[in-house]
C-alpha atoms as a PDB file:
ATOM      1  CA  UNK A   1     111.498 -24.397 108.993  1.00  0.00           C
ATOM      2  CA  UNK A   2     109.024 -24.775 106.175  1.00  0.00           C
ATOM      3  CA  UNK A   3     110.508 -25.828 102.847  1.00  0.00           C
ATOM      4  CA  UNK A   4     109.877 -23.897  99.657  1.00  0.00           C
ATOM      5  CA  UNK A   5     107.413 -25.712  97.461  1.00  0.00           C
ATOM      6  CA  UNK A   6     108.684 -26.656  94.022  1.00  0.00           C
ATOM      7  CA  UNK A   7     105.134 -27.048  92.712  1.00  0.00           C
ATOM      8  CA  UNK A   8     104.471 -25.636  89.215  1.00  0.00           C
ATOM      9  CA  UNK A   9     101.800 -23.494  90.821  1.00  0.00           C
ATOM     10  CA  UNK A  10     104.435 -21.196  92.305  1.00  0.00           C
ATOM     11  CA  UNK A  11     103.557 -17.776  90.931  1.00  0.00           C
ATOM     12  CA  UNK A  12     105.790 -15.959  88.443  1.00  0.00           C
ATOM     13  CA  UNK A  13     104.950 -12.373  87.552  1.00  0.00           C
ATOM     14  CA  UNK A  14     108.395 -11.253  86.438  1.00  0.00           C
ATOM     15  CA  UNK A  15     107.566 -10.875  82.771  1.00  0.00           C
ATOM     16  CA  UNK A  16     104.204  -9.163  83.269  1.00  0.00           C
ATOM     17  CA  UNK A  17     104.231  -5.507  82.223  1.00  0.00           C
ATOM     18  CA  UNK A  18     101.804  -2.647  81.673  1.00  0.00           C
ATOM     19  CA  UNK A  19     100.846  -2.276  77.999  1.00  0.00           C
ATOM     20  CA  UNK A  20     101.583   1.045  76.345  1.00  0.00           C
ATOM     21  CA  UNK A  21      98.808   3.110  74.747  1.00  0.00           C
ATOM     22  CA  UNK A  22      99.381   1.598  71.315  1.00  0.00           C
ATOM     23  CA  UNK A  23      98.993  -1.929  72.699  1.00  0.00           C
ATOM     24  CA  UNK A  24      95.877  -0.973  74.658  1.00  0.00           C
ATOM     25  CA  UNK A  25      94.365   0.413  71.485  1.00  0.00           C
ATOM     26  CA  UNK A  26      95.186  -2.786  69.630  1.00  0.00           C
ATOM     27  CA  UNK A  27      93.773  -5.234  72.179  1.00  0.00           C
ATOM     28  CA  UNK A  28      91.035  -2.959  73.543  1.00  0.00           C
ATOM     29  CA  UNK A  29      91.557  -3.984  77.142  1.00  0.00           C
ATOM     30  CA  UNK A  30      93.998  -4.346  80.013  1.00  0.00           C
ATOM     31  CA  UNK A  31      94.497  -7.731  81.639  1.00  0.00           C
ATOM     32  CA  UNK A  32      92.877  -7.643  85.060  1.00  0.00           C
ATOM     33  CA  UNK A  33      95.217 -10.314  86.386  1.00  0.00           C
ATOM     34  CA  UNK A  34      98.270  -8.031  86.148  1.00  0.00           C
ATOM     35  CA  UNK A  35      99.888  -7.340  89.536  1.00  0.00           C
ATOM     36  CA  UNK A  36      99.702  -3.775  90.819  1.00  0.00           C
ATOM     37  CA  UNK A  37     103.441  -3.191  90.386  1.00  0.00           C
ATOM     38  CA  UNK A  38     102.985  -3.220  86.605  1.00  0.00           C
ATOM     39  CA  UNK A  39     100.931   0.001  86.821  1.00  0.00           C
ATOM     40  CA  UNK A  40     103.165   3.009  86.097  1.00  0.00           C
ATOM     41  CA  UNK A  41     103.692   5.002  89.297  1.00  0.00           C
ATOM     42  CA  UNK A  42     102.887   2.164  91.704  1.00  0.00           C
ATOM     43  CA  UNK A  43     105.939   1.360  93.807  1.00  0.00           C
ATOM     44  CA  UNK A  44     106.607  -1.107  96.635  1.00  0.00           C
ATOM     45  CA  UNK A  45     105.043   1.093  99.353  1.00  0.00           C
ATOM     46  CA  UNK A  46     101.823   1.752  97.441  1.00  0.00           C
ATOM     47  CA  UNK A  47     101.598  -1.920  96.522  1.00  0.00           C
ATOM     48  CA  UNK A  48     102.116  -2.879 100.168  1.00  0.00           C
ATOM     49  CA  UNK A  49      99.438  -0.414 101.345  1.00  0.00           C
ATOM     50  CA  UNK A  50      96.900  -1.855  98.910  1.00  0.00           C
ATOM     51  CA  UNK A  51      97.848  -5.443  99.817  1.00  0.00           C
ATOM     52  CA  UNK A  52      97.000  -4.771 103.466  1.00  0.00           C
ATOM     53  CA  UNK A  53      93.377  -4.239 102.453  1.00  0.00           C
ATOM     54  CA  UNK A  54      93.305  -7.203 100.073  1.00  0.00           C
ATOM     55  CA  UNK A  55      93.988  -5.358  96.806  1.00  0.00           C
ATOM     56  CA  UNK A  56      96.671  -7.188  94.823  1.00  0.00           C
ATOM     57  CA  UNK A  57      95.749  -7.058  91.132  1.00  0.00           C
ATOM     58  CA  UNK A  58      94.353  -4.655  88.542  1.00  0.00           C
ATOM     59  CA  UNK A  59      91.015  -6.448  88.895  1.00  0.00           C
ATOM     60  CA  UNK A  60      90.914  -5.685  92.616  1.00  0.00           C
ATOM     61  CA  UNK A  61      91.725  -1.992  92.248  1.00  0.00           C
ATOM     62  CA  UNK A  62      89.237  -1.523  89.415  1.00  0.00           C
ATOM     63  CA  UNK A  63      86.575  -2.233  92.025  1.00  0.00           C
ATOM     64  CA  UNK A  64      87.346   1.107  93.699  1.00  0.00           C
ATOM     65  CA  UNK A  65      85.477   4.178  92.512  1.00  0.00           C
ATOM     66  CA  UNK A  66      87.151   7.290  91.142  1.00  0.00           C
ATOM     67  CA  UNK A  67      86.090   9.155  94.286  1.00  0.00           C
ATOM     68  CA  UNK A  68      87.563   6.489  96.575  1.00  0.00           C
ATOM     69  CA  UNK A  69      90.948   6.597  94.857  1.00  0.00           C
ATOM     70  CA  UNK A  70      90.932  10.390  94.888  1.00  0.00           C
ATOM     71  CA  UNK A  71      90.112  10.392  98.585  1.00  0.00           C
ATOM     72  CA  UNK A  72      93.025   8.066  99.327  1.00  0.00           C
ATOM     73  CA  UNK A  73      95.703   9.455  97.002  1.00  0.00           C
ATOM     74  CA  UNK A  74      94.435  12.856  95.868  1.00  0.00           C
ATOM     75  CA  UNK A  75      95.562  13.845  92.370  1.00  0.00           C
ATOM     76  CA  UNK A  76      97.616  10.637  92.088  1.00  0.00           C
ATOM     77  CA  UNK A  77      94.446   8.687  92.785  1.00  0.00           C
ATOM     78  CA  UNK A  78      92.749  10.313  89.796  1.00  0.00           C
ATOM     79  CA  UNK A  79      95.738   9.515  87.581  1.00  0.00           C
ATOM     80  CA  UNK A  80      95.715   5.917  88.810  1.00  0.00           C
ATOM     81  CA  UNK A  81      91.994   5.615  88.046  1.00  0.00           C
ATOM     82  CA  UNK A  82      92.612   6.777  84.468  1.00  0.00           C
ATOM     83  CA  UNK A  83      95.479   4.323  83.996  1.00  0.00           C
ATOM     84  CA  UNK A  84      93.616   1.250  85.232  1.00  0.00           C
ATOM     85  CA  UNK A  85      90.749   2.060  82.881  1.00  0.00           C
ATOM     86  CA  UNK A  86      93.094   2.530  79.920  1.00  0.00           C
ATOM     87  CA  UNK A  87      92.533   6.262  79.567  1.00  0.00           C
ATOM     88  CA  UNK A  88      95.935   7.695  80.485  1.00  0.00           C
ATOM     89  CA  UNK A  89      97.675   9.844  77.896  1.00  0.00           C
ATOM     90  CA  UNK A  90     101.184   8.511  78.378  1.00  0.00           C
ATOM     91  CA  UNK A  91     103.175   8.882  75.150  1.00  0.00           C
ATOM     92  CA  UNK A  92     103.752   5.932  72.866  1.00  0.00           C
ATOM     93  CA  UNK A  93     107.403   4.996  72.840  1.00  0.00           C
ATOM     94  CA  UNK A  94     108.228   3.979  69.297  1.00  0.00           C
ATOM     95  CA  UNK A  95     111.676   2.674  70.199  1.00  0.00           C
ATOM     96  CA  UNK A  96     111.033   1.383  73.709  1.00  0.00           C
ATOM     97  CA  UNK A  97     113.889  -0.662  75.108  1.00  0.00           C
ATOM     98  CA  UNK A  98     114.079  -2.206  78.550  1.00  0.00           C
ATOM     99  CA  UNK A  99     116.824  -0.827  80.752  1.00  0.00           C
ATOM    100  CA  UNK A 100     116.229  -3.368  83.490  1.00  0.00           C
ATOM    101  CA  UNK A 101     115.351  -7.047  83.546  1.00  0.00           C
ATOM    102  CA  UNK A 102     114.134  -8.938  86.578  1.00  0.00           C
ATOM    103  CA  UNK A 103     112.654 -12.160  87.862  1.00  0.00           C
ATOM    104  CA  UNK A 104     110.684 -12.839  91.017  1.00  0.00           C
ATOM    105  CA  UNK A 105     108.996 -15.779  92.655  1.00  0.00           C
ATOM    106  CA  UNK A 106     106.122 -16.007  95.114  1.00  0.00           C
ATOM    107  CA  UNK A 107     106.243 -19.136  97.238  1.00  0.00           C
ATOM    108  CA  UNK A 108     103.220 -21.294  97.919  1.00  0.00           C
ATOM    109  CA  UNK A 109     104.339 -21.599 101.521  1.00  0.00           C
ATOM    110  CA  UNK A 110     105.974 -18.758 103.442  1.00  0.00           C
ATOM    111  CA  UNK A 111     109.417 -19.743 104.653  1.00  0.00           C
ATOM    112  CA  UNK A 112     112.607 -18.753 106.435  1.00  0.00           C
ATOM    113  CA  UNK A 113     114.677 -21.703 105.204  1.00  0.00           C
ATOM    114  CA  UNK A 114     117.897 -19.830 104.468  1.00  0.00           C
ATOM    115  CA  UNK A 115     119.483 -22.541 102.327  1.00  0.00           C
ATOM    116  CA  UNK A 116     116.419 -22.975 100.125  1.00  0.00           C
ATOM    117  CA  UNK A 117     115.910 -19.221  99.809  1.00  0.00           C
ATOM    118  CA  UNK A 118     119.493 -18.576  98.747  1.00  0.00           C
ATOM    119  CA  UNK A 119     119.283 -21.410  96.216  1.00  0.00           C
ATOM    120  CA  UNK A 120     116.134 -19.901  94.708  1.00  0.00           C
ATOM    121  CA  UNK A 121     117.724 -16.445  94.684  1.00  0.00           C
ATOM    122  CA  UNK A 122     120.694 -17.751  92.728  1.00  0.00           C
ATOM    123  CA  UNK A 123     118.385 -19.571  90.325  1.00  0.00           C
ATOM    124  CA  UNK A 124     116.558 -16.292  89.713  1.00  0.00           C
ATOM    125  CA  UNK A 125     119.909 -14.622  89.024  1.00  0.00           C
ATOM    126  CA  UNK A 126     120.605 -17.235  86.368  1.00  0.00           C
ATOM    127  CA  UNK A 127     117.185 -16.618  84.836  1.00  0.00           C
ATOM    128  CA  UNK A 128     117.870 -12.883  84.779  1.00  0.00           C
ATOM    129  CA  UNK A 129     121.217 -13.332  83.025  1.00  0.00           C
ATOM    130  CA  UNK A 130     119.618 -15.580  80.404  1.00  0.00           C
ATOM    131  CA  UNK A 131     117.048 -12.897  79.675  1.00  0.00           C
ATOM    132  CA  UNK A 132     119.709 -10.171  79.640  1.00  0.00           C
ATOM    133  CA  UNK A 133     121.629 -12.102  76.978  1.00  0.00           C
ATOM    134  CA  UNK A 134     118.456 -12.904  75.039  1.00  0.00           C
ATOM    135  CA  UNK A 135     117.650  -9.175  74.865  1.00  0.00           C
ATOM    136  CA  UNK A 136     121.095  -8.504  73.415  1.00  0.00           C
ATOM    137  CA  UNK A 137     122.584  -6.753  76.449  1.00  0.00           C
ATOM    138  CA  UNK A 138     126.132  -7.488  77.553  1.00  0.00           C
ATOM    139  CA  UNK A 139     126.566  -5.551  80.790  1.00  0.00           C
ATOM    140  CA  UNK A 140     124.675  -4.302  83.827  1.00  0.00           C
ATOM    141  CA  UNK A 141     125.707  -1.907  86.559  1.00  0.00           C
ATOM    142  CA  UNK A 142     123.061  -2.047  89.279  1.00  0.00           C
ATOM    143  CA  UNK A 143     121.694  -5.030  91.204  1.00  0.00           C
ATOM    144  CA  UNK A 144     118.317  -4.820  92.957  1.00  0.00           C
ATOM    145  CA  UNK A 145     116.648  -7.397  95.188  1.00  0.00           C
ATOM    146  CA  UNK A 146     113.101  -7.397  96.535  1.00  0.00           C
ATOM    147  CA  UNK A 147     111.824  -9.231  99.601  1.00  0.00           C
ATOM    148  CA  UNK A 148     108.192  -9.513 100.669  1.00  0.00           C
ATOM    149  CA  UNK A 149     107.317 -10.915 104.071  1.00  0.00           C
ATOM    150  CA  UNK A 150     104.251 -13.000 104.887  1.00  0.00           C
ATOM    151  CA  UNK A 151     102.458  -9.868 106.129  1.00  0.00           C
ATOM    152  CA  UNK A 152     103.069  -8.241 102.696  1.00  0.00           C
ATOM    153  CA  UNK A 153     105.651  -5.804 104.057  1.00  0.00           C
ATOM    154  CA  UNK A 154     107.942  -5.295 101.075  1.00  0.00           C
ATOM    155  CA  UNK A 155     111.535  -4.067 100.913  1.00  0.00           C
ATOM    156  CA  UNK A 156     114.034  -3.426  98.129  1.00  0.00           C
ATOM    157  CA  UNK A 157     117.800  -3.119  98.328  1.00  0.00           C
ATOM    158  CA  UNK A 158     120.180  -2.087  95.569  1.00  0.00           C
ATOM    159  CA  UNK A 159     123.878  -1.781  94.858  1.00  0.00           C
ATOM    160  CA  UNK A 160     125.478   0.131  92.005  1.00  0.00           C
ATOM    161  CA  UNK A 161     128.767  -1.277  90.772  1.00  0.00           C
ATOM    162  CA  UNK A 162     131.746   1.024  90.133  1.00  0.00           C
ATOM    163  CA  UNK A 163     131.756  -0.097  86.494  1.00  0.00           C
ATOM    164  CA  UNK A 164     129.528  -2.199  84.207  1.00  0.00           C
ATOM    165  CA  UNK A 165     129.997  -5.966  84.175  1.00  0.00           C
ATOM    166  CA  UNK A 166     128.562  -8.935  82.336  1.00  0.00           C
ATOM    167  CA  UNK A 167     129.753 -11.513  84.863  1.00  0.00           C
ATOM    168  CA  UNK A 168     126.866 -13.717  86.109  1.00  0.00           C
ATOM    169  CA  UNK A 169     128.816 -14.484  89.284  1.00  0.00           C
ATOM    170  CA  UNK A 170     128.881 -10.795  90.185  1.00  0.00           C
ATOM    171  CA  UNK A 171     125.088 -10.662  89.948  1.00  0.00           C
ATOM    172  CA  UNK A 172     124.766 -13.697  92.223  1.00  0.00           C
ATOM    173  CA  UNK A 173     127.307 -12.408  94.738  1.00  0.00           C
ATOM    174  CA  UNK A 174     125.807  -8.932  94.954  1.00  0.00           C
ATOM    175  CA  UNK A 175     122.219 -10.198  95.106  1.00  0.00           C
ATOM    176  CA  UNK A 176     123.140 -12.662  97.857  1.00  0.00           C
ATOM    177  CA  UNK A 177     124.963  -9.973  99.851  1.00  0.00           C
ATOM    178  CA  UNK A 178     121.900  -7.708  99.635  1.00  0.00           C
ATOM    179  CA  UNK A 179     119.567 -10.549 100.591  1.00  0.00           C
ATOM    180  CA  UNK A 180     121.398 -12.090 103.575  1.00  0.00           C
ATOM    181  CA  UNK A 181     120.401  -9.375 106.113  1.00  0.00           C
ATOM    182  CA  UNK A 182     116.762 -10.422 105.623  1.00  0.00           C
ATOM    183  CA  UNK A 183     117.614 -13.819 107.090  1.00  0.00           C
ATOM    184  CA  UNK A 184     118.732 -12.421 110.446  1.00  0.00           C
ATOM    185  CA  UNK A 185     118.116  -9.546 112.855  1.00  0.00           C
ATOM    186  CA  UNK A 186     119.669  -6.911 110.604  1.00  0.00           C
ATOM    187  CA  UNK A 187     116.682  -6.528 108.263  1.00  0.00           C
ATOM    188  CA  UNK A 188     114.358  -9.100 109.821  1.00  0.00           C
ATOM    189  CA  UNK A 189     114.547  -8.554 113.602  1.00  0.00           C
ATOM    190  CA  UNK A 190     111.196 -10.229 114.223  1.00  0.00           C
ATOM    191  CA  UNK A 191     112.022 -13.365 112.249  1.00  0.00           C
ATOM    192  CA  UNK A 192     109.208 -12.945 109.737  1.00  0.00           C
ATOM    193  CA  UNK A 193     108.578 -15.619 107.136  1.00  0.00           C
ATOM    194  CA  UNK A 194     109.303 -14.678 103.534  1.00  0.00           C
ATOM    195  CA  UNK A 195     106.670 -14.881 100.795  1.00  0.00           C
ATOM    196  CA  UNK A 196     108.450 -13.448  97.735  1.00  0.00           C
ATOM    197  CA  UNK A 197     111.959 -12.749  96.519  1.00  0.00           C
ATOM    198  CA  UNK A 198     113.053 -10.982  93.367  1.00  0.00           C
ATOM    199  CA  UNK A 199     116.223  -9.989  91.528  1.00  0.00           C
ATOM    200  CA  UNK A 200     116.693  -7.287  88.920  1.00  0.00           C
ATOM    201  CA  UNK A 201     119.652  -6.177  86.806  1.00  0.00           C
ATOM    202  CA  UNK A 202     119.525  -2.481  85.953  1.00  0.00           C
ATOM    203  CA  UNK A 203     121.484   0.077  83.937  1.00  0.00           C
ATOM    204  CA  UNK A 204     121.797  -2.438  81.108  1.00  0.00           C
ATOM    205  CA  UNK A 205     124.238  -1.704  78.315  1.00  0.00           C
ATOM    206  CA  UNK A 206     125.507  -3.144  75.067  1.00  0.00           C
ATOM    207  CA  UNK A 207     129.274  -2.811  75.199  1.00  0.00           C
ATOM    208  CA  UNK A 208     131.622  -4.087  72.525  1.00  0.00           C
ATOM    209  CA  UNK A 209     128.756  -5.172  70.285  1.00  0.00           C
ATOM    210  CA  UNK A 210     129.649  -4.611  66.635  1.00  0.00           C
ATOM    211  CA  UNK A 211     126.846  -3.283  64.481  1.00  0.00           C
ATOM    212  CA  UNK A 212     127.480  -3.768  60.759  1.00  0.00           C
ATOM    213  CA  UNK A 213     127.033  -0.662  58.662  1.00  0.00           C
ATOM    214  CA  UNK A 214     124.527  -0.923  55.809  1.00  0.00           C
ATOM    215  CA  UNK A 215     126.005  -1.986  52.487  1.00  0.00           C
ATOM    216  CA  UNK A 216     126.100   0.642  49.743  1.00  0.00           C
ATOM    217  CA  UNK A 217     125.816  -0.457  46.160  1.00  0.00           C
ATOM    218  CA  UNK A 218     128.172   1.363  43.766  1.00  0.00           C
ATOM    219  CA  UNK A 219     127.528   1.626  40.075  1.00  0.00           C
END
């Protein structure tokens, strides 16, 4: 089985996100290298459908006319056309705060090496927990994993915990349990090679974090 390359050229898109209207106004443009999943309203199925015809980034989809997108997706196609050209009227969120944090990795060489894949999955879990802590969150309640096969077929699996936890081992255990069926006939009956894996912690919370009240001067 083909090993996973450890080359620095392995792609990481986990921290890419769609700029809000305020940011678009400030920079005047939208990065064309952003992956499609960063576009609001584009989920795994839509991304997979576009990938089958060679459309993987904002740059690729901007090559389609307004009429083409409308013909494919109807009203949603028109909305998508407005978004990719920076003209959507989505509200500016003054106090935006992420409620999920994830990491994903695209491999240079498609693989089905179970040991290497599980090792990378656990490494991604560690990266996620570092980012969760860096953002000031203490607990999560839902674990989500994403798997993309070599033919760009993409699947997500999730598990919601009975109560919030901040235990990194729980994230690893749950992510691994969700991922393992993709290594055998349960979720991969045709033995497809894997191109991308991802992990996300959702329903983030700050529990037990003391916030100091502002000091009041007397006199």
